[in-house]
Amino acid sequence: MKKKKEEKGGEMDITKILPKECIAEIISRTSFRHACCRLSLVSEAVKSAADSKLSFAIDKLSRKKCYMLSTRALTIIWGDNPRQWEWISPAQLRLKAQFKAHFVSLSAYGRAQLRLAVQPRFAEVAHLLNVRWLDIQGRIETQFLSPNTTYGAYFVYTTGIHCNNLDYPVNLYLRTGNEMEGEASIGYLLPRKVSTVPLRPEGRLSHWRKDQWMEIEIGEFFNGQDDGVVVMRLWENEDPGWKSGLVVH
C-alpha cells in the first residue's frame, strides 16, 4: 500500500506520520523556533505552532510538558491603549536599555520548572509606560498539559531601569476547572531589600533566579485527566499611584 501524500506538491506531512510525543521530543532538544522553522518546510501545522501564543518544552528530568504563555495570550487591562502600554520587539527595547521580560510559565513539579532562556521566545513584548491599575490574566486548557501531574504557575520577570510603584503588594490567584472562587494570595514583585515599603505583612516573595531574572509563584494545581481551564491572575492589592517599568513577554 502506498503511503498517502499531501496533494500540494506531492509532499508528505511528517506530523501525520510521527506520533505527537516524537515531534515534541525533537522540539525539546533544540530551540522551539529553530526546530519549528526546520519542520515547517514540510509541515504547515508546525509552522503555525511556531507563531502561536504558546511556547512548548519538555522537562528533561520529569518528561512532563511545560508551557509559556506569550503576551498576546494574556489579558492586560488597558493593554490596547498606546499611552499606557506599547507593543514592541525585544530588540527595540534593548536599544532603550530598558529590556526586561515577564511571562506566565507553567511547570510540572518534580522539579520540572521551566527556566527562561536569554533569547526571547516571542517576537513581541508589552512594555508598561504608565498605568494606574495593574491587572494581568492568563488562561490555558488542561488538555495541553501532562495528565496526573502537579503543576506550578509562575510569573517570571525583572524590572526595568525606570520603574515606579512596583514594590506594593499584588494579589495572586489561580483557579482550575469547576473550582469555586477562592481567596487570592498576597505577593510582592520586588525583593525586600529594594522596597521602599518599610513593613510588609506575610505573603509570597519574589526571588532572583540564576539567569538574573525574578519570579513569583501564582499557585499550584493538580491536572488529572478531565479537560478544563486554568485561570491565573495577578492584580493590585492597593493603589499606590501610577506605575511603570514592566515588560510582559
C-alpha atoms as a PDB file:
ATOM      1  CA  MET A   1       0.000   0.000   0.000  1.00  0.00           C
ATOM      2  CA  LYS A   2       1.326   3.395  -0.917  1.00  0.00           C
ATOM      3  CA  LYS A   3       1.611   5.995   1.796  1.00  0.00           C
ATOM      4  CA  LYS A   4      -0.749   8.905   1.459  1.00  0.00           C
ATOM      5  CA  LYS A   5       0.885  12.152   0.401  1.00  0.00           C
ATOM      6  CA  GLU A   6      -0.235  15.727   0.621  1.00  0.00           C
ATOM      7  CA  GLU A   7      -1.928  16.943  -2.512  1.00  0.00           C
ATOM      8  CA  LYS A   8       0.148  20.075  -2.684  1.00  0.00           C
ATOM      9  CA  GLY A   9       3.443  19.277  -4.406  1.00  0.00           C
ATOM     10  CA  GLY A  10       3.189  15.583  -3.508  1.00  0.00           C
ATOM     11  CA  GLU A  11       4.864  16.259  -0.152  1.00  0.00           C
ATOM     12  CA  MET A  12       4.232  14.230   2.958  1.00  0.00           C
ATOM     13  CA  ASP A  13       3.318  15.906   6.260  1.00  0.00           C
ATOM     14  CA  ILE A  14       5.556  14.297   8.876  1.00  0.00           C
ATOM     15  CA  THR A  15       3.231  15.449  11.657  1.00  0.00           C
ATOM     16  CA  LYS A  16       0.702  12.932  10.328  1.00  0.00           C
ATOM     17  CA  ILE A  17       3.274  10.127  10.401  1.00  0.00           C
ATOM     18  CA  LEU A  18       5.218  10.698  13.602  1.00  0.00           C
ATOM     19  CA  PRO A  19       3.494  10.490  16.988  1.00  0.00           C
ATOM     20  CA  LYS A  20       2.993  13.772  18.829  1.00  0.00           C
ATOM     21  CA  GLU A  21       5.400  12.617  21.525  1.00  0.00           C
ATOM     22  CA  CYS A  22       8.127  12.107  18.913  1.00  0.00           C
ATOM     23  CA  ILE A  23       7.659  15.597  17.469  1.00  0.00           C
ATOM     24  CA  ALA A  24       7.651  17.042  20.981  1.00  0.00           C
ATOM     25  CA  GLU A  25      10.917  15.244  21.722  1.00  0.00           C
ATOM     26  CA  ILE A  26      12.515  16.719  18.595  1.00  0.00           C
ATOM     27  CA  ILE A  27      11.392  20.217  19.524  1.00  0.00           C
ATOM     28  CA  SER A  28      12.543  19.834  23.133  1.00  0.00           C
ATOM     29  CA  ARG A  29      16.132  19.074  22.059  1.00  0.00           C
ATOM     30  CA  THR A  30      16.613  22.424  20.371  1.00  0.00           C
ATOM     31  CA  SER A  31      15.159  25.913  20.494  1.00  0.00           C
ATOM     32  CA  PHE A  32      11.447  25.881  19.836  1.00  0.00           C
ATOM     33  CA  ARG A  33      11.502  28.380  16.997  1.00  0.00           C
ATOM     34  CA  HIS A  34      14.587  26.854  15.318  1.00  0.00           C
ATOM     35  CA  ALA A  35      13.044  23.396  15.322  1.00  0.00           C
ATOM     36  CA  CYS A  36       9.741  24.694  14.043  1.00  0.00           C
ATOM     37  CA  CYS A  37      11.382  26.638  11.234  1.00  0.00           C
ATOM     38  CA  ARG A  38      13.060  23.433  10.014  1.00  0.00           C
ATOM     39  CA  LEU A  39       9.942  21.309  10.360  1.00  0.00           C
ATOM     40  CA  SER A  40       7.733  23.958   8.780  1.00  0.00           C
ATOM     41  CA  LEU A  41       9.424  23.278   5.441  1.00  0.00           C
ATOM     42  CA  VAL A  42       7.259  20.164   5.254  1.00  0.00           C
ATOM     43  CA  SER A  43       4.540  20.936   7.788  1.00  0.00           C
ATOM     44  CA  GLU A  44       2.227  23.935   7.944  1.00  0.00           C
ATOM     45  CA  ALA A  45       0.931  22.637  11.280  1.00  0.00           C
ATOM     46  CA  VAL A  46       4.306  23.032  12.950  1.00  0.00           C
ATOM     47  CA  LYS A  47       4.896  26.366  11.280  1.00  0.00           C
ATOM     48  CA  SER A  48       1.699  27.739  12.780  1.00  0.00           C
ATOM     49  CA  ALA A  49       2.770  26.369  16.156  1.00  0.00           C
ATOM     50  CA  ALA A  50       5.995  28.381  15.983  1.00  0.00           C
ATOM     51  CA  ASP A  51       3.964  31.556  15.573  1.00  0.00           C
ATOM     52  CA  SER A  52       1.421  30.671  18.244  1.00  0.00           C
ATOM     53  CA  LYS A  53       0.790  32.263  21.620  1.00  0.00           C
ATOM     54  CA  LEU A  54       2.299  29.312  23.478  1.00  0.00           C
ATOM     55  CA  SER A  55       5.894  28.203  23.828  1.00  0.00           C
ATOM     56  CA  PHE A  56       6.323  24.498  24.488  1.00  0.00           C
ATOM     57  CA  ALA A  57       9.056  22.471  26.154  1.00  0.00           C
ATOM     58  CA  ILE A  58       9.532  19.053  27.722  1.00  0.00           C
ATOM     59  CA  ASP A  59      11.394  18.939  31.009  1.00  0.00           C
ATOM     60  CA  LYS A  60      14.401  16.676  30.611  1.00  0.00           C
ATOM     61  CA  LEU A  61      14.070  15.160  34.089  1.00  0.00           C
ATOM     62  CA  SER A  62      10.347  14.575  34.528  1.00  0.00           C
ATOM     63  CA  ARG A  63       9.500  14.286  30.798  1.00  0.00           C
ATOM     64  CA  LYS A  64       6.464  16.461  31.508  1.00  0.00           C
ATOM     65  CA  LYS A  65       5.073  19.164  29.247  1.00  0.00           C
ATOM     66  CA  CYS A  66       5.771  22.785  30.166  1.00  0.00           C
ATOM     67  CA  TYR A  67       4.252  25.847  28.551  1.00  0.00           C
ATOM     68  CA  MET A  68       4.909  29.556  28.446  1.00  0.00           C
ATOM     69  CA  LEU A  69       2.139  31.983  27.574  1.00  0.00           C
ATOM     70  CA  SER A  70       3.081  34.914  25.370  1.00  0.00           C
ATOM     71  CA  THR A  71       1.888  38.441  25.997  1.00  0.00           C
ATOM     72  CA  ARG A  72      -0.735  38.096  23.281  1.00  0.00           C
ATOM     73  CA  ALA A  73      -2.181  35.122  25.153  1.00  0.00           C
ATOM     74  CA  LEU A  74      -2.728  37.277  28.250  1.00  0.00           C
ATOM     75  CA  THR A  75      -5.485  39.731  29.060  1.00  0.00           C
ATOM     76  CA  ILE A  76      -3.901  43.001  30.165  1.00  0.00           C
ATOM     77  CA  ILE A  77      -6.121  45.807  31.414  1.00  0.00           C
ATOM     78  CA  TRP A  78      -5.558  48.909  29.244  1.00  0.00           C
ATOM     79  CA  GLY A  79      -3.207  46.840  27.097  1.00  0.00           C
ATOM     80  CA  ASP A  80      -4.723  48.281  23.922  1.00  0.00           C
ATOM     81  CA  ASN A  81      -4.115  51.888  24.987  1.00  0.00           C
ATOM     82  CA  PRO A  82      -0.865  53.115  23.336  1.00  0.00           C
ATOM     83  CA  ARG A  83      -0.421  55.774  26.000  1.00  0.00           C
ATOM     84  CA  GLN A  84      -0.261  53.155  28.734  1.00  0.00           C
ATOM     85  CA  TRP A  85       1.261  50.097  27.053  1.00  0.00           C
ATOM     86  CA  GLU A  86       3.447  49.799  23.980  1.00  0.00           C
ATOM     87  CA  TRP A  87       3.848  46.628  21.948  1.00  0.00           C
ATOM     88  CA  ILE A  88       7.421  46.427  20.794  1.00  0.00           C
ATOM     89  CA  SER A  89      10.137  43.962  19.822  1.00  0.00           C
ATOM     90  CA  PRO A  90      12.785  42.959  22.398  1.00  0.00           C
ATOM     91  CA  ALA A  91      15.480  44.343  20.094  1.00  0.00           C
ATOM     92  CA  GLN A  92      13.889  47.791  20.184  1.00  0.00           C
ATOM     93  CA  LEU A  93      13.717  47.680  23.952  1.00  0.00           C
ATOM     94  CA  ARG A  94      17.386  46.764  24.171  1.00  0.00           C
ATOM     95  CA  LEU A  95      18.195  49.939  22.297  1.00  0.00           C
ATOM     96  CA  LYS A  96      16.340  51.826  25.008  1.00  0.00           C
ATOM     97  CA  ALA A  97      18.400  49.992  27.649  1.00  0.00           C
ATOM     98  CA  GLN A  98      15.143  49.003  29.318  1.00  0.00           C
ATOM     99  CA  PHE A  99      14.705  45.425  28.167  1.00  0.00           C
ATOM    100  CA  LYS A 100      13.261  43.132  30.801  1.00  0.00           C
ATOM    101  CA  ALA A 101      10.715  40.378  30.435  1.00  0.00           C
ATOM    102  CA  HIS A 102       7.682  38.898  32.085  1.00  0.00           C
ATOM    103  CA  PHE A 103       5.628  35.900  31.271  1.00  0.00           C
ATOM    104  CA  VAL A 104       3.459  33.318  32.889  1.00  0.00           C
ATOM    105  CA  SER A 105       5.002  29.860  32.880  1.00  0.00           C
ATOM    106  CA  LEU A 106       3.556  26.526  33.797  1.00  0.00           C
ATOM    107  CA  SER A 107       5.978  23.945  35.126  1.00  0.00           C
ATOM    108  CA  ALA A 108       5.431  20.401  36.282  1.00  0.00           C
ATOM    109  CA  TYR A 109       6.508  19.744  39.824  1.00  0.00           C
ATOM    110  CA  GLY A 110       9.184  17.233  40.217  1.00  0.00           C
ATOM    111  CA  ARG A 111      11.007  19.992  39.975  1.00  0.00           C
ATOM    112  CA  ALA A 112      10.482  20.439  36.283  1.00  0.00           C
ATOM    113  CA  GLN A 113      10.485  24.196  36.348  1.00  0.00           C
ATOM    114  CA  LEU A 114      10.597  25.929  33.016  1.00  0.00           C
ATOM    115  CA  ARG A 115      13.540  28.317  33.024  1.00  0.00           C
ATOM    116  CA  LEU A 116      13.728  31.426  30.928  1.00  0.00           C
ATOM    117  CA  ALA A 117      16.237  31.482  28.103  1.00  0.00           C
ATOM    118  CA  VAL A 118      18.201  34.640  27.421  1.00  0.00           C
ATOM    119  CA  GLN A 119      16.856  34.650  23.877  1.00  0.00           C
ATOM    120  CA  PRO A 120      13.204  35.810  23.949  1.00  0.00           C
ATOM    121  CA  ARG A 121      10.735  33.150  22.884  1.00  0.00           C
ATOM    122  CA  PHE A 122       8.317  35.602  21.294  1.00  0.00           C
ATOM    123  CA  ALA A 123       8.809  38.385  18.774  1.00  0.00           C
ATOM    124  CA  GLU A 124       6.734  40.947  20.656  1.00  0.00           C
ATOM    125  CA  VAL A 125       6.537  42.181  24.233  1.00  0.00           C
ATOM    126  CA  ALA A 126       4.279  44.627  26.057  1.00  0.00           C
ATOM    127  CA  HIS A 127       6.031  47.498  27.803  1.00  0.00           C
ATOM    128  CA  LEU A 128       4.209  49.269  30.633  1.00  0.00           C
ATOM    129  CA  LEU A 129       4.525  53.004  30.093  1.00  0.00           C
ATOM    130  CA  ASN A 130       2.150  54.399  32.695  1.00  0.00           C
ATOM    131  CA  VAL A 131      -0.905  52.849  34.282  1.00  0.00           C
ATOM    132  CA  ARG A 132      -2.911  53.386  37.442  1.00  0.00           C
ATOM    133  CA  TRP A 133      -4.337  49.870  37.696  1.00  0.00           C
ATOM    134  CA  LEU A 134      -2.249  46.743  37.036  1.00  0.00           C
ATOM    135  CA  ASP A 135      -4.229  43.632  36.137  1.00  0.00           C
ATOM    136  CA  ILE A 136      -2.936  40.666  34.093  1.00  0.00           C
ATOM    137  CA  GLN A 137      -4.761  37.400  33.480  1.00  0.00           C
ATOM    138  CA  GLY A 138      -3.844  34.208  31.644  1.00  0.00           C
ATOM    139  CA  ARG A 139      -5.742  31.037  30.738  1.00  0.00           C
ATOM    140  CA  ILE A 140      -4.700  27.641  29.443  1.00  0.00           C
ATOM    141  CA  GLU A 141      -6.649  24.496  28.645  1.00  0.00           C
ATOM    142  CA  THR A 142      -5.620  21.476  30.692  1.00  0.00           C
ATOM    143  CA  GLN A 143      -5.742  19.219  27.631  1.00  0.00           C
ATOM    144  CA  PHE A 144      -2.374  20.688  26.620  1.00  0.00           C
ATOM    145  CA  LEU A 145      -0.745  19.624  29.899  1.00  0.00           C
ATOM    146  CA  SER A 146       0.546  16.290  31.115  1.00  0.00           C
ATOM    147  CA  PRO A 147      -2.185  14.298  32.910  1.00  0.00           C
ATOM    148  CA  ASN A 148      -1.927  13.252  36.556  1.00  0.00           C
ATOM    149  CA  THR A 149       0.708  15.891  37.193  1.00  0.00           C
ATOM    150  CA  THR A 150       1.060  18.679  39.740  1.00  0.00           C
ATOM    151  CA  TYR A 151       1.869  21.984  38.066  1.00  0.00           C
ATOM    152  CA  GLY A 152       3.143  25.270  39.394  1.00  0.00           C
ATOM    153  CA  ALA A 153       2.217  28.578  37.749  1.00  0.00           C
ATOM    154  CA  TYR A 154       4.799  31.357  37.930  1.00  0.00           C
ATOM    155  CA  PHE A 155       5.060  34.974  36.911  1.00  0.00           C
ATOM    156  CA  VAL A 156       8.671  35.384  35.775  1.00  0.00           C
ATOM    157  CA  TYR A 157      10.045  38.870  35.302  1.00  0.00           C
ATOM    158  CA  THR A 158      12.569  41.562  36.049  1.00  0.00           C
ATOM    159  CA  THR A 159      12.074  45.281  36.356  1.00  0.00           C
ATOM    160  CA  GLY A 160      13.189  47.993  34.003  1.00  0.00           C
ATOM    161  CA  ILE A 161      15.688  50.706  34.784  1.00  0.00           C
ATOM    162  CA  HIS A 162      12.903  53.223  35.256  1.00  0.00           C
ATOM    163  CA  CYS A 163      10.112  51.650  37.291  1.00  0.00           C
ATOM    164  CA  ASN A 164       7.668  53.246  39.684  1.00  0.00           C
ATOM    165  CA  ASN A 165       5.424  51.895  42.454  1.00  0.00           C
ATOM    166  CA  LEU A 166       6.130  48.224  41.813  1.00  0.00           C
ATOM    167  CA  ASP A 167       7.037  47.400  45.425  1.00  0.00           C
ATOM    168  CA  TYR A 168       3.488  47.392  46.758  1.00  0.00           C
ATOM    169  CA  PRO A 169       1.558  44.132  47.298  1.00  0.00           C
ATOM    170  CA  VAL A 170      -0.253  42.342  44.484  1.00  0.00           C
ATOM    171  CA  ASN A 171      -2.941  39.671  44.503  1.00  0.00           C
ATOM    172  CA  LEU A 172      -2.048  36.244  43.082  1.00  0.00           C
ATOM    173  CA  TYR A 173      -4.899  33.959  42.101  1.00  0.00           C
ATOM    174  CA  LEU A 174      -5.264  30.572  40.420  1.00  0.00           C
ATOM    175  CA  ARG A 175      -8.419  28.582  39.718  1.00  0.00           C
ATOM    176  CA  THR A 176      -8.909  25.319  37.849  1.00  0.00           C
ATOM    177  CA  GLY A 177     -11.885  23.529  36.321  1.00  0.00           C
ATOM    178  CA  ASN A 178     -15.084  23.748  38.311  1.00  0.00           C
ATOM    179  CA  GLU A 179     -13.476  25.075  41.479  1.00  0.00           C
ATOM    180  CA  MET A 180     -15.389  27.723  43.382  1.00  0.00           C
ATOM    181  CA  GLU A 181     -13.956  31.206  43.614  1.00  0.00           C
ATOM    182  CA  GLY A 182     -11.266  31.195  46.295  1.00  0.00           C
ATOM    183  CA  GLU A 183      -9.177  33.735  48.100  1.00  0.00           C
ATOM    184  CA  ALA A 184      -6.163  35.333  46.478  1.00  0.00           C
ATOM    185  CA  SER A 185      -2.679  35.189  47.944  1.00  0.00           C
ATOM    186  CA  ILE A 186      -0.624  38.296  48.616  1.00  0.00           C
ATOM    187  CA  GLY A 187       2.722  38.686  46.886  1.00  0.00           C
ATOM    188  CA  TYR A 188       5.477  41.218  46.269  1.00  0.00           C
ATOM    189  CA  LEU A 189       7.126  41.715  42.893  1.00  0.00           C
ATOM    190  CA  LEU A 190      10.250  43.369  44.294  1.00  0.00           C
ATOM    191  CA  PRO A 191      12.577  41.875  46.923  1.00  0.00           C
ATOM    192  CA  ARG A 192      12.551  43.394  50.394  1.00  0.00           C
ATOM    193  CA  LYS A 193      15.981  44.921  50.057  1.00  0.00           C
ATOM    194  CA  VAL A 194      14.899  47.218  47.215  1.00  0.00           C
ATOM    195  CA  SER A 195      11.484  48.018  48.641  1.00  0.00           C
ATOM    196  CA  THR A 196      10.514  51.474  49.841  1.00  0.00           C
ATOM    197  CA  VAL A 197       7.685  49.953  51.891  1.00  0.00           C
ATOM    198  CA  PRO A 198       9.118  49.576  55.434  1.00  0.00           C
ATOM    199  CA  LEU A 199       6.731  46.936  56.806  1.00  0.00           C
ATOM    200  CA  ARG A 200       5.117  44.087  54.927  1.00  0.00           C
ATOM    201  CA  PRO A 201       2.520  41.548  56.017  1.00  0.00           C
ATOM    202  CA  GLU A 202       3.097  37.880  55.326  1.00  0.00           C
ATOM    203  CA  GLY A 203       2.934  36.949  51.667  1.00  0.00           C
ATOM    204  CA  ARG A 204       4.749  35.366  48.758  1.00  0.00           C
ATOM    205  CA  LEU A 205       8.044  36.942  47.890  1.00  0.00           C
ATOM    206  CA  SER A 206       9.790  37.128  44.575  1.00  0.00           C
ATOM    207  CA  HIS A 207      13.347  35.905  44.303  1.00  0.00           C
ATOM    208  CA  TRP A 208      16.235  36.101  41.905  1.00  0.00           C
ATOM    209  CA  ARG A 209      16.825  33.256  39.507  1.00  0.00           C
ATOM    210  CA  LYS A 210      20.163  32.024  38.205  1.00  0.00           C
ATOM    211  CA  ASP A 211      19.520  33.800  34.919  1.00  0.00           C
ATOM    212  CA  GLN A 212      19.259  37.137  36.778  1.00  0.00           C
ATOM    213  CA  TRP A 213      15.503  37.379  36.356  1.00  0.00           C
ATOM    214  CA  MET A 214      12.916  37.241  39.124  1.00  0.00           C
ATOM    215  CA  GLU A 215       9.900  35.041  39.657  1.00  0.00           C
ATOM    216  CA  ILE A 216       6.927  34.749  41.967  1.00  0.00           C
ATOM    217  CA  GLU A 217       4.625  31.766  42.322  1.00  0.00           C
ATOM    218  CA  ILE A 218       0.982  32.347  41.441  1.00  0.00           C
ATOM    219  CA  GLY A 219      -0.173  28.956  42.667  1.00  0.00           C
ATOM    220  CA  GLU A 220      -0.186  25.234  42.036  1.00  0.00           C
ATOM    221  CA  PHE A 221      -2.759  22.705  40.885  1.00  0.00           C
ATOM    222  CA  PHE A 222      -3.139  19.031  40.070  1.00  0.00           C
ATOM    223  CA  ASN A 223      -4.005  18.234  36.472  1.00  0.00           C
ATOM    224  CA  GLY A 224      -5.969  14.992  36.311  1.00  0.00           C
ATOM    225  CA  GLN A 225      -7.455  13.569  33.145  1.00  0.00           C
ATOM    226  CA  ASP A 226     -10.516  15.786  32.772  1.00  0.00           C
ATOM    227  CA  ASP A 227     -10.468  18.677  30.317  1.00  0.00           C
ATOM    228  CA  GLY A 228     -10.829  22.109  31.820  1.00  0.00           C
ATOM    229  CA  VAL A 229      -9.337  25.578  32.004  1.00  0.00           C
ATOM    230  CA  VAL A 230      -6.752  27.004  34.392  1.00  0.00           C
ATOM    231  CA  VAL A 231      -7.162  30.710  35.157  1.00  0.00           C
ATOM    232  CA  MET A 232      -4.196  32.681  36.523  1.00  0.00           C
ATOM    233  CA  ARG A 233      -4.377  36.301  37.565  1.00  0.00           C
ATOM    234  CA  LEU A 234      -2.134  38.984  39.047  1.00  0.00           C
ATOM    235  CA  TRP A 235      -3.609  42.320  40.073  1.00  0.00           C
ATOM    236  CA  GLU A 236      -3.097  45.120  42.559  1.00  0.00           C
ATOM    237  CA  ASN A 237      -3.867  44.790  46.220  1.00  0.00           C
ATOM    238  CA  GLU A 238      -3.954  48.534  46.697  1.00  0.00           C
ATOM    239  CA  ASP A 239      -3.486  51.642  44.584  1.00  0.00           C
ATOM    240  CA  PRO A 240      -0.123  53.324  45.251  1.00  0.00           C
ATOM    241  CA  GLY A 241      -0.370  55.561  42.204  1.00  0.00           C
ATOM    242  CA  TRP A 242       0.892  55.444  38.654  1.00  0.00           C
ATOM    243  CA  LYS A 243       3.126  52.518  37.753  1.00  0.00           C
ATOM    244  CA  SER A 244       5.689  51.937  35.016  1.00  0.00           C
ATOM    245  CA  GLY A 245       8.628  49.738  34.113  1.00  0.00           C
ATOM    246  CA  LEU A 246       7.224  46.259  33.500  1.00  0.00           C
ATOM    247  CA  VAL A 247       7.746  44.476  30.199  1.00  0.00           C
ATOM    248  CA  VAL A 248       5.470  41.493  29.684  1.00  0.00           C
ATOM    249  CA  HIS A 249       6.789  38.731  27.421  1.00  0.00           C
END
